[in-house]
mmCIF file of all heavy atoms, coordinates in Angstrom:
data_MODEL
# 
_entry.id   MODEL 
# 
loop_
_atom_site.group_PDB 
_atom_site.id 
_atom_site.type_symbol 
_atom_site.label_atom_id 
_atom_site.label_alt_id 
_atom_site.label_comp_id 
_atom_site.label_asym_id 
_atom_site.label_entity_id 
_atom_site.label_seq_id 
_atom_site.pdbx_PDB_ins_code 
_atom_site.Cartn_x 
_atom_site.Cartn_y 
_atom_site.Cartn_z 
_atom_site.occupancy 
_atom_site.B_iso_or_equiv 
_atom_site.pdbx_formal_charge 
_atom_site.auth_seq_id 
_atom_site.auth_comp_id 
_atom_site.auth_asym_id 
_atom_site.auth_atom_id 
_atom_site.pdbx_PDB_model_num 
ATOM 1   N N   . THR A 1 1  ? 0.830  -1.195  0.000   1.00 0.00 ? 1  THR A N   1 
ATOM 2   C CA  . THR A 1 1  ? 0.003  0.001   0.000   1.00 0.00 ? 1  THR A CA  1 
ATOM 3   C C   . THR A 1 1  ? 0.874  1.249   0.001   1.00 0.00 ? 1  THR A C   1 
ATOM 4   O O   . THR A 1 1  ? 1.994  1.245   0.492   1.00 0.00 ? 1  THR A O   1 
ATOM 5   C CB  . THR A 1 1  ? -0.936 0.027   1.225   1.00 0.00 ? 1  THR A CB  1 
ATOM 6   O OG1 . THR A 1 1  ? -0.173 -0.253  2.411   1.00 0.00 ? 1  THR A OG1 1 
ATOM 7   C CG2 . THR A 1 1  ? -2.056 -0.990  1.096   1.00 0.00 ? 1  THR A CG2 1 
ATOM 8   N N   . ASN A 1 2  ? 0.289  2.314   -0.551  1.00 0.00 ? 2  ASN A N   1 
ATOM 9   C CA  . ASN A 1 2  ? 0.943  3.616   -0.611  1.00 0.00 ? 2  ASN A CA  1 
ATOM 10  C C   . ASN A 1 2  ? -0.107 4.633   -0.196  1.00 0.00 ? 2  ASN A C   1 
ATOM 11  O O   . ASN A 1 2  ? -0.978 4.976   -0.996  1.00 0.00 ? 2  ASN A O   1 
ATOM 12  C CB  . ASN A 1 2  ? 1.444  3.872   -2.032  1.00 0.00 ? 2  ASN A CB  1 
ATOM 13  C CG  . ASN A 1 2  ? 2.254  5.141   -2.167  1.00 0.00 ? 2  ASN A CG  1 
ATOM 14  O OD1 . ASN A 1 2  ? 1.893  6.174   -1.622  1.00 0.00 ? 2  ASN A OD1 1 
ATOM 15  N ND2 . ASN A 1 2  ? 3.362  5.068   -2.903  1.00 0.00 ? 2  ASN A ND2 1 
ATOM 16  N N   . GLY A 1 3  ? -0.027 5.076   1.069   1.00 0.00 ? 3  GLY A N   1 
ATOM 17  C CA  . GLY A 1 3  ? -1.122 5.891   1.583   1.00 0.00 ? 3  GLY A CA  1 
ATOM 18  C C   . GLY A 1 3  ? -2.383 5.054   1.601   1.00 0.00 ? 3  GLY A C   1 
ATOM 19  O O   . GLY A 1 3  ? -2.450 4.007   2.242   1.00 0.00 ? 3  GLY A O   1 
ATOM 20  N N   . PHE A 1 4  ? -3.390 5.509   0.841   1.00 0.00 ? 4  PHE A N   1 
ATOM 21  C CA  . PHE A 1 4  ? -4.652 4.764   0.762   1.00 0.00 ? 4  PHE A CA  1 
ATOM 22  C C   . PHE A 1 4  ? -4.843 4.118   -0.613  1.00 0.00 ? 4  PHE A C   1 
ATOM 23  O O   . PHE A 1 4  ? -5.961 3.787   -0.992  1.00 0.00 ? 4  PHE A O   1 
ATOM 24  C CB  . PHE A 1 4  ? -5.831 5.673   1.084   1.00 0.00 ? 4  PHE A CB  1 
ATOM 25  C CG  . PHE A 1 4  ? -5.893 6.069   2.534   1.00 0.00 ? 4  PHE A CG  1 
ATOM 26  C CD1 . PHE A 1 4  ? -5.563 7.368   2.927   1.00 0.00 ? 4  PHE A CD1 1 
ATOM 27  C CD2 . PHE A 1 4  ? -6.253 5.159   3.511   1.00 0.00 ? 4  PHE A CD2 1 
ATOM 28  C CE1 . PHE A 1 4  ? -5.590 7.729   4.272   1.00 0.00 ? 4  PHE A CE1 1 
ATOM 29  C CE2 . PHE A 1 4  ? -6.288 5.509   4.850   1.00 0.00 ? 4  PHE A CE2 1 
ATOM 30  C CZ  . PHE A 1 4  ? -5.954 6.799   5.230   1.00 0.00 ? 4  PHE A CZ  1 
ATOM 31  N N   . ALA A 1 5  ? -3.720 3.916   -1.305  1.00 0.00 ? 5  ALA A N   1 
ATOM 32  C CA  . ALA A 1 5  ? -3.761 3.216   -2.593  1.00 0.00 ? 5  ALA A CA  1 
ATOM 33  C C   . ALA A 1 5  ? -3.073 1.863   -2.460  1.00 0.00 ? 5  ALA A C   1 
ATOM 34  O O   . ALA A 1 5  ? -2.047 1.739   -1.785  1.00 0.00 ? 5  ALA A O   1 
ATOM 35  C CB  . ALA A 1 5  ? -3.058 4.049   -3.676  1.00 0.00 ? 5  ALA A CB  1 
ATOM 36  N N   . SER A 1 6  ? -3.633 0.859   -3.093  1.00 0.00 ? 6  SER A N   1 
ATOM 37  C CA  . SER A 1 6  ? -3.009 -0.468  -3.074  1.00 0.00 ? 6  SER A CA  1 
ATOM 38  C C   . SER A 1 6  ? -2.129 -0.644  -4.297  1.00 0.00 ? 6  SER A C   1 
ATOM 39  O O   . SER A 1 6  ? -2.382 -0.052  -5.348  1.00 0.00 ? 6  SER A O   1 
ATOM 40  C CB  . SER A 1 6  ? -4.080 -1.568  -3.020  1.00 0.00 ? 6  SER A CB  1 
ATOM 41  O OG  . SER A 1 6  ? -4.917 -1.494  -4.161  1.00 0.00 ? 6  SER A OG  1 
ATOM 42  N N   . ASP A 1 7  ? -1.076 -1.456  -4.157  1.00 0.00 ? 7  ASP A N   1 
ATOM 43  C CA  . ASP A 1 7  ? -0.181 -1.742  -5.263  1.00 0.00 ? 7  ASP A CA  1 
ATOM 44  C C   . ASP A 1 7  ? -0.743 -2.923  -6.042  1.00 0.00 ? 7  ASP A C   1 
ATOM 45  O O   . ASP A 1 7  ? -0.865 -4.027  -5.498  1.00 0.00 ? 7  ASP A O   1 
ATOM 46  C CB  . ASP A 1 7  ? 1.223  -2.065  -4.730  1.00 0.00 ? 7  ASP A CB  1 
ATOM 47  C CG  . ASP A 1 7  ? 2.272  -2.160  -5.829  1.00 0.00 ? 7  ASP A CG  1 
ATOM 48  O OD1 . ASP A 1 7  ? 1.990  -2.813  -6.858  1.00 0.00 ? 7  ASP A OD1 1 
ATOM 49  O OD2 . ASP A 1 7  ? 3.361  -1.599  -5.652  1.00 0.00 ? 7  ASP A OD2 1 
ATOM 50  N N   . PRO A 1 8  ? -1.072 -2.745  -7.319  1.00 0.00 ? 8  PRO A N   1 
ATOM 51  C CA  . PRO A 1 8  ? -1.699 -3.823  -8.087  1.00 0.00 ? 8  PRO A CA  1 
ATOM 52  C C   . PRO A 1 8  ? -0.799 -5.024  -8.325  1.00 0.00 ? 8  PRO A C   1 
ATOM 53  O O   . PRO A 1 8  ? -1.286 -6.102  -8.697  1.00 0.00 ? 8  PRO A O   1 
ATOM 54  C CB  . PRO A 1 8  ? -2.080 -3.146  -9.408  1.00 0.00 ? 8  PRO A CB  1 
ATOM 55  C CG  . PRO A 1 8  ? -1.139 -1.988  -9.524  1.00 0.00 ? 8  PRO A CG  1 
ATOM 56  C CD  . PRO A 1 8  ? -0.925 -1.504  -8.120  1.00 0.00 ? 8  PRO A CD  1 
ATOM 57  N N   . SER A 1 9  ? 0.514  -4.869  -8.100  1.00 0.00 ? 9  SER A N   1 
ATOM 58  C CA  . SER A 1 9  ? 1.428  -5.992  -8.319  1.00 0.00 ? 9  SER A CA  1 
ATOM 59  C C   . SER A 1 9  ? 1.676  -6.804  -7.060  1.00 0.00 ? 9  SER A C   1 
ATOM 60  O O   . SER A 1 9  ? 2.364  -7.834  -7.111  1.00 0.00 ? 9  SER A O   1 
ATOM 61  C CB  . SER A 1 9  ? 2.779  -5.466  -8.855  1.00 0.00 ? 9  SER A CB  1 
ATOM 62  O OG  . SER A 1 9  ? 3.482  -4.750  -7.837  1.00 0.00 ? 9  SER A OG  1 
ATOM 63  N N   . PHE A 1 10 ? 1.129  -6.381  -5.931  1.00 0.00 ? 10 PHE A N   1 
ATOM 64  C CA  . PHE A 1 10 ? 1.476  -7.011  -4.665  1.00 0.00 ? 10 PHE A CA  1 
ATOM 65  C C   . PHE A 1 10 ? 1.138  -8.497  -4.620  1.00 0.00 ? 10 PHE A C   1 
ATOM 66  O O   . PHE A 1 10 ? 1.979  -9.322  -4.245  1.00 0.00 ? 10 PHE A O   1 
ATOM 67  C CB  . PHE A 1 10 ? 0.792  -6.287  -3.497  1.00 0.00 ? 10 PHE A CB  1 
ATOM 68  C CG  . PHE A 1 10 ? 1.048  -6.951  -2.172  1.00 0.00 ? 10 PHE A CG  1 
ATOM 69  C CD1 . PHE A 1 10 ? 2.283  -6.860  -1.567  1.00 0.00 ? 10 PHE A CD1 1 
ATOM 70  C CD2 . PHE A 1 10 ? 0.058  -7.687  -1.531  1.00 0.00 ? 10 PHE A CD2 1 
ATOM 71  C CE1 . PHE A 1 10 ? 2.547  -7.481  -0.346  1.00 0.00 ? 10 PHE A CE1 1 
ATOM 72  C CE2 . PHE A 1 10 ? 0.294  -8.309  -0.314  1.00 0.00 ? 10 PHE A CE2 1 
ATOM 73  C CZ  . PHE A 1 10 ? 1.556  -8.202  0.272   1.00 0.00 ? 10 PHE A CZ  1 
ATOM 74  N N   . ALA A 1 11 ? -0.070 -8.850  -4.969  1.00 0.00 ? 11 ALA A N   1 
ATOM 75  C CA  . ALA A 1 11 ? -0.497 -10.257 -4.849  1.00 0.00 ? 11 ALA A CA  1 
ATOM 76  C C   . ALA A 1 11 ? 0.381  -11.167 -5.699  1.00 0.00 ? 11 ALA A C   1 
ATOM 77  O O   . ALA A 1 11 ? 0.808  -12.225 -5.244  1.00 0.00 ? 11 ALA A O   1 
ATOM 78  C CB  . ALA A 1 11 ? -1.967 -10.407 -5.229  1.00 0.00 ? 11 ALA A CB  1 
ATOM 79  N N   . ARG A 1 12 ? 0.644  -10.781 -6.944  1.00 0.00 ? 12 ARG A N   1 
ATOM 80  C CA  . ARG A 1 12 ? 1.450  -11.654 -7.796  1.00 0.00 ? 12 ARG A CA  1 
ATOM 81  C C   . ARG A 1 12 ? 2.904  -11.693 -7.348  1.00 0.00 ? 12 ARG A C   1 
ATOM 82  O O   . ARG A 1 12 ? 3.580  -12.721 -7.490  1.00 0.00 ? 12 ARG A O   1 
ATOM 83  C CB  . ARG A 1 12 ? 1.333  -11.247 -9.264  1.00 0.00 ? 12 ARG A CB  1 
ATOM 84  C CG  . ARG A 1 12 ? 2.026  -9.960  -9.679  1.00 0.00 ? 12 ARG A CG  1 
ATOM 85  C CD  . ARG A 1 12 ? 2.030  -9.821  -11.201 1.00 0.00 ? 12 ARG A CD  1 
ATOM 86  N NE  . ARG A 1 12 ? 2.704  -8.615  -11.633 1.00 0.00 ? 12 ARG A NE  1 
ATOM 87  C CZ  . ARG A 1 12 ? 2.104  -7.454  -11.891 1.00 0.00 ? 12 ARG A CZ  1 
ATOM 88  N NH1 . ARG A 1 12 ? 0.790  -7.355  -11.746 1.00 0.00 ? 12 ARG A NH1 1 
ATOM 89  N NH2 . ARG A 1 12 ? 2.800  -6.394  -12.279 1.00 0.00 ? 12 ARG A NH2 1 
ATOM 90  N N   . ASN A 1 13 ? 3.399  -10.581 -6.781  1.00 0.00 ? 13 ASN A N   1 
ATOM 91  C CA  . ASN A 1 13 ? 4.763  -10.595 -6.247  1.00 0.00 ? 13 ASN A CA  1 
ATOM 92  C C   . ASN A 1 13 ? 4.873  -11.532 -5.052  1.00 0.00 ? 13 ASN A C   1 
ATOM 93  O O   . ASN A 1 13 ? 5.857  -12.260 -4.903  1.00 0.00 ? 13 ASN A O   1 
ATOM 94  C CB  . ASN A 1 13 ? 5.205  -9.186  -5.871  1.00 0.00 ? 13 ASN A CB  1 
ATOM 95  C CG  . ASN A 1 13 ? 5.604  -8.364  -7.081  1.00 0.00 ? 13 ASN A CG  1 
ATOM 96  O OD1 . ASN A 1 13 ? 6.010  -8.899  -8.121  1.00 0.00 ? 13 ASN A OD1 1 
ATOM 97  N ND2 . ASN A 1 13 ? 5.468  -7.043  -6.968  1.00 0.00 ? 13 ASN A ND2 1 
ATOM 98  N N   . ARG A 1 14 ? 3.872  -11.523 -4.202  1.00 0.00 ? 14 ARG A N   1 
ATOM 99  C CA  . ARG A 1 14 ? 3.885  -12.438 -3.041  1.00 0.00 ? 14 ARG A CA  1 
ATOM 100 C C   . ARG A 1 14 ? 3.886  -13.888 -3.496  1.00 0.00 ? 14 ARG A C   1 
ATOM 101 O O   . ARG A 1 14 ? 4.700  -14.687 -3.048  1.00 0.00 ? 14 ARG A O   1 
ATOM 102 C CB  . ARG A 1 14 ? 2.674  -12.161 -2.147  1.00 0.00 ? 14 ARG A CB  1 
ATOM 103 C CG  . ARG A 1 14 ? 2.472  -13.255 -1.092  1.00 0.00 ? 14 ARG A CG  1 
ATOM 104 C CD  . ARG A 1 14 ? 1.178  -13.054 -0.336  1.00 0.00 ? 14 ARG A CD  1 
ATOM 105 N NE  . ARG A 1 14 ? 1.411  -12.417 0.950   1.00 0.00 ? 14 ARG A NE  1 
ATOM 106 C CZ  . ARG A 1 14 ? 0.503  -11.704 1.604   1.00 0.00 ? 14 ARG A CZ  1 
ATOM 107 N NH1 . ARG A 1 14 ? -0.687 -11.507 1.075   1.00 0.00 ? 14 ARG A NH1 1 
ATOM 108 N NH2 . ARG A 1 14 ? 0.797  -11.190 2.780   1.00 0.00 ? 14 ARG A NH2 1 
ATOM 109 N N   . VAL A 1 15 ? 2.967  -14.217 -4.394  1.00 0.00 ? 15 VAL A N   1 
ATOM 110 C CA  . VAL A 1 15 ? 2.861  -15.592 -4.873  1.00 0.00 ? 15 VAL A CA  1 
ATOM 111 C C   . VAL A 1 15 ? 4.163  -16.013 -5.565  1.00 0.00 ? 15 VAL A C   1 
ATOM 112 O O   . VAL A 1 15 ? 4.699  -17.104 -5.312  1.00 0.00 ? 15 VAL A O   1 
ATOM 113 C CB  . VAL A 1 15 ? 1.675  -15.749 -5.826  1.00 0.00 ? 15 VAL A CB  1 
ATOM 114 C CG1 . VAL A 1 15 ? 1.692  -17.104 -6.520  1.00 0.00 ? 15 VAL A CG1 1 
ATOM 115 C CG2 . VAL A 1 15 ? 0.348  -15.574 -5.071  1.00 0.00 ? 15 VAL A CG2 1 
ATOM 116 N N   . GLY A 1 16 ? 4.676  -15.165 -6.431  1.00 0.00 ? 16 GLY A N   1 
ATOM 117 C CA  . GLY A 1 16 ? 5.868  -15.509 -7.188  1.00 0.00 ? 16 GLY A CA  1 
ATOM 118 C C   . GLY A 1 16 ? 7.105  -15.650 -6.322  1.00 0.00 ? 16 GLY A C   1 
ATOM 119 O O   . GLY A 1 16 ? 7.879  -16.596 -6.479  1.00 0.00 ? 16 GLY A O   1 
ATOM 120 N N   . ALA A 1 17 ? 7.289  -14.709 -5.400  1.00 0.00 ? 17 ALA A N   1 
ATOM 121 C CA  . ALA A 1 17 ? 8.468  -14.754 -4.534  1.00 0.00 ? 17 ALA A CA  1 
ATOM 122 C C   . ALA A 1 17 ? 8.445  -15.982 -3.633  1.00 0.00 ? 17 ALA A C   1 
ATOM 123 O O   . ALA A 1 17 ? 9.453  -16.683 -3.503  1.00 0.00 ? 17 ALA A O   1 
ATOM 124 C CB  . ALA A 1 17 ? 8.526  -13.478 -3.687  1.00 0.00 ? 17 ALA A CB  1 
ATOM 125 N N   . LYS A 1 18 ? 7.310  -16.275 -3.039  1.00 0.00 ? 18 LYS A N   1 
ATOM 126 C CA  . LYS A 1 18 ? 7.234  -17.399 -2.125  1.00 0.00 ? 18 LYS A CA  1 
ATOM 127 C C   . LYS A 1 18 ? 7.332  -18.727 -2.875  1.00 0.00 ? 18 LYS A C   1 
ATOM 128 O O   . LYS A 1 18 ? 7.940  -19.692 -2.384  1.00 0.00 ? 18 LYS A O   1 
ATOM 129 C CB  . LYS A 1 18 ? 5.943  -17.301 -1.300  1.00 0.00 ? 18 LYS A CB  1 
ATOM 130 C CG  . LYS A 1 18 ? 5.952  -16.104 -0.353  1.00 0.00 ? 18 LYS A CG  1 
ATOM 131 C CD  . LYS A 1 18 ? 4.640  -15.892 0.365   1.00 0.00 ? 18 LYS A CD  1 
ATOM 132 C CE  . LYS A 1 18 ? 4.453  -16.828 1.513   1.00 0.00 ? 18 LYS A CE  1 
ATOM 133 N NZ  . LYS A 1 18 ? 3.317  -16.461 2.377   1.00 0.00 ? 18 LYS A NZ  1 
ATOM 134 N N   . ALA A 1 19 ? 6.771  -18.802 -4.075  1.00 0.00 ? 19 ALA A N   1 
ATOM 135 C CA  . ALA A 1 19 ? 6.876  -20.021 -4.867  1.00 0.00 ? 19 ALA A CA  1 
ATOM 136 C C   . ALA A 1 19 ? 8.318  -20.301 -5.246  1.00 0.00 ? 19 ALA A C   1 
ATOM 137 O O   . ALA A 1 19 ? 8.714  -21.461 -5.390  1.00 0.00 ? 19 ALA A O   1 
ATOM 138 C CB  . ALA A 1 19 ? 6.014  -19.914 -6.118  1.00 0.00 ? 19 ALA A CB  1 
ATOM 139 N N   . ALA A 1 20 ? 9.105  -19.218 -5.391  1.00 0.00 ? 20 ALA A N   1 
ATOM 140 C CA  . ALA A 1 20 ? 10.515 -19.371 -5.746  1.00 0.00 ? 20 ALA A CA  1 
ATOM 141 C C   . ALA A 1 20 ? 11.393 -19.617 -4.531  1.00 0.00 ? 20 ALA A C   1 
ATOM 142 O O   . ALA A 1 20 ? 12.605 -19.771 -4.663  1.00 0.00 ? 20 ALA A O   1 
ATOM 143 C CB  . ALA A 1 20 ? 11.000 -18.128 -6.492  1.00 0.00 ? 20 ALA A CB  1 
ATOM 144 N N   . GLY A 1 21 ? 10.787 -19.640 -3.355  1.00 0.00 ? 21 GLY A N   1 
ATOM 145 C CA  . GLY A 1 21 ? 11.526 -19.962 -2.139  1.00 0.00 ? 21 GLY A CA  1 
ATOM 146 C C   . GLY A 1 21 ? 12.115 -18.776 -1.411  1.00 0.00 ? 21 GLY A C   1 
ATOM 147 O O   . GLY A 1 21 ? 12.921 -18.962 -0.496  1.00 0.00 ? 21 GLY A O   1 
ATOM 148 N N   . LEU A 1 22 ? 11.730 -17.564 -1.778  1.00 0.00 ? 22 LEU A N   1 
ATOM 149 C CA  . LEU A 1 22 ? 12.235 -16.376 -1.093  1.00 0.00 ? 22 LEU A CA  1 
ATOM 150 C C   . LEU A 1 22 ? 11.397 -16.087 0.150   1.00 0.00 ? 22 LEU A C   1 
ATOM 151 O O   . LEU A 1 22 ? 10.175 -16.242 0.144   1.00 0.00 ? 22 LEU A O   1 
ATOM 152 C CB  . LEU A 1 22 ? 12.206 -15.148 -2.002  1.00 0.00 ? 22 LEU A CB  1 
ATOM 153 C CG  . LEU A 1 22 ? 13.386 -14.968 -2.977  1.00 0.00 ? 22 LEU A CG  1 
ATOM 154 C CD1 . LEU A 1 22 ? 13.308 -15.994 -4.105  1.00 0.00 ? 22 LEU A CD1 1 
ATOM 155 C CD2 . LEU A 1 22 ? 13.399 -13.544 -3.539  1.00 0.00 ? 22 LEU A CD2 1 
ATOM 156 N N   . ALA A 1 23 ? 12.057 -15.643 1.219   1.00 0.00 ? 23 ALA A N   1 
ATOM 157 C CA  . ALA A 1 23 ? 11.327 -15.074 2.356   1.00 0.00 ? 23 ALA A CA  1 
ATOM 158 C C   . ALA A 1 23 ? 10.672 -13.785 1.870   1.00 0.00 ? 23 ALA A C   1 
ATOM 159 O O   . ALA A 1 23 ? 11.262 -13.030 1.098   1.00 0.00 ? 23 ALA A O   1 
ATOM 160 C CB  . ALA A 1 23 ? 12.278 -14.796 3.503   1.00 0.00 ? 23 ALA A CB  1 
ATOM 161 N N   . PHE A 1 24 ? 9.457  -13.516 2.323   1.00 0.00 ? 24 PHE A N   1 
ATOM 162 C CA  . PHE A 1 24 ? 8.679  -12.405 1.760   1.00 0.00 ? 24 PHE A CA  1 
ATOM 163 C C   . PHE A 1 24 ? 8.096  -11.529 2.855   1.00 0.00 ? 24 PHE A C   1 
ATOM 164 O O   . PHE A 1 24 ? 7.654  -12.030 3.902   1.00 0.00 ? 24 PHE A O   1 
ATOM 165 C CB  . PHE A 1 24 ? 7.536  -12.954 0.893   1.00 0.00 ? 24 PHE A CB  1 
ATOM 166 C CG  . PHE A 1 24 ? 6.682  -11.896 0.267   1.00 0.00 ? 24 PHE A CG  1 
ATOM 167 C CD1 . PHE A 1 24 ? 7.071  -11.304 -0.923  1.00 0.00 ? 24 PHE A CD1 1 
ATOM 168 C CD2 . PHE A 1 24 ? 5.515  -11.486 0.872   1.00 0.00 ? 24 PHE A CD2 1 
ATOM 169 C CE1 . PHE A 1 24 ? 6.288  -10.291 -1.493  1.00 0.00 ? 24 PHE A CE1 1 
ATOM 170 C CE2 . PHE A 1 24 ? 4.722  -10.497 0.318   1.00 0.00 ? 24 PHE A CE2 1 
ATOM 171 C CZ  . PHE A 1 24 ? 5.111  -9.894  -0.880  1.00 0.00 ? 24 PHE A CZ  1 
ATOM 172 N N   . GLY A 1 25 ? 8.071  -10.232 2.587   1.00 0.00 ? 25 GLY A N   1 
ATOM 173 C CA  . GLY A 1 25 ? 7.451  -9.296  3.509   1.00 0.00 ? 25 GLY A CA  1 
ATOM 174 C C   . GLY A 1 25 ? 6.791  -8.148  2.764   1.00 0.00 ? 25 GLY A C   1 
ATOM 175 O O   . GLY A 1 25 ? 7.158  -7.831  1.628   1.00 0.00 ? 25 GLY A O   1 
# 
């Protein structure tokens, strides 16, 4: 999130990073 806007790439970044074995935050 950025203020009161959500980042449209967040969900896919979470899924992709964790599927690749990266710790994610």
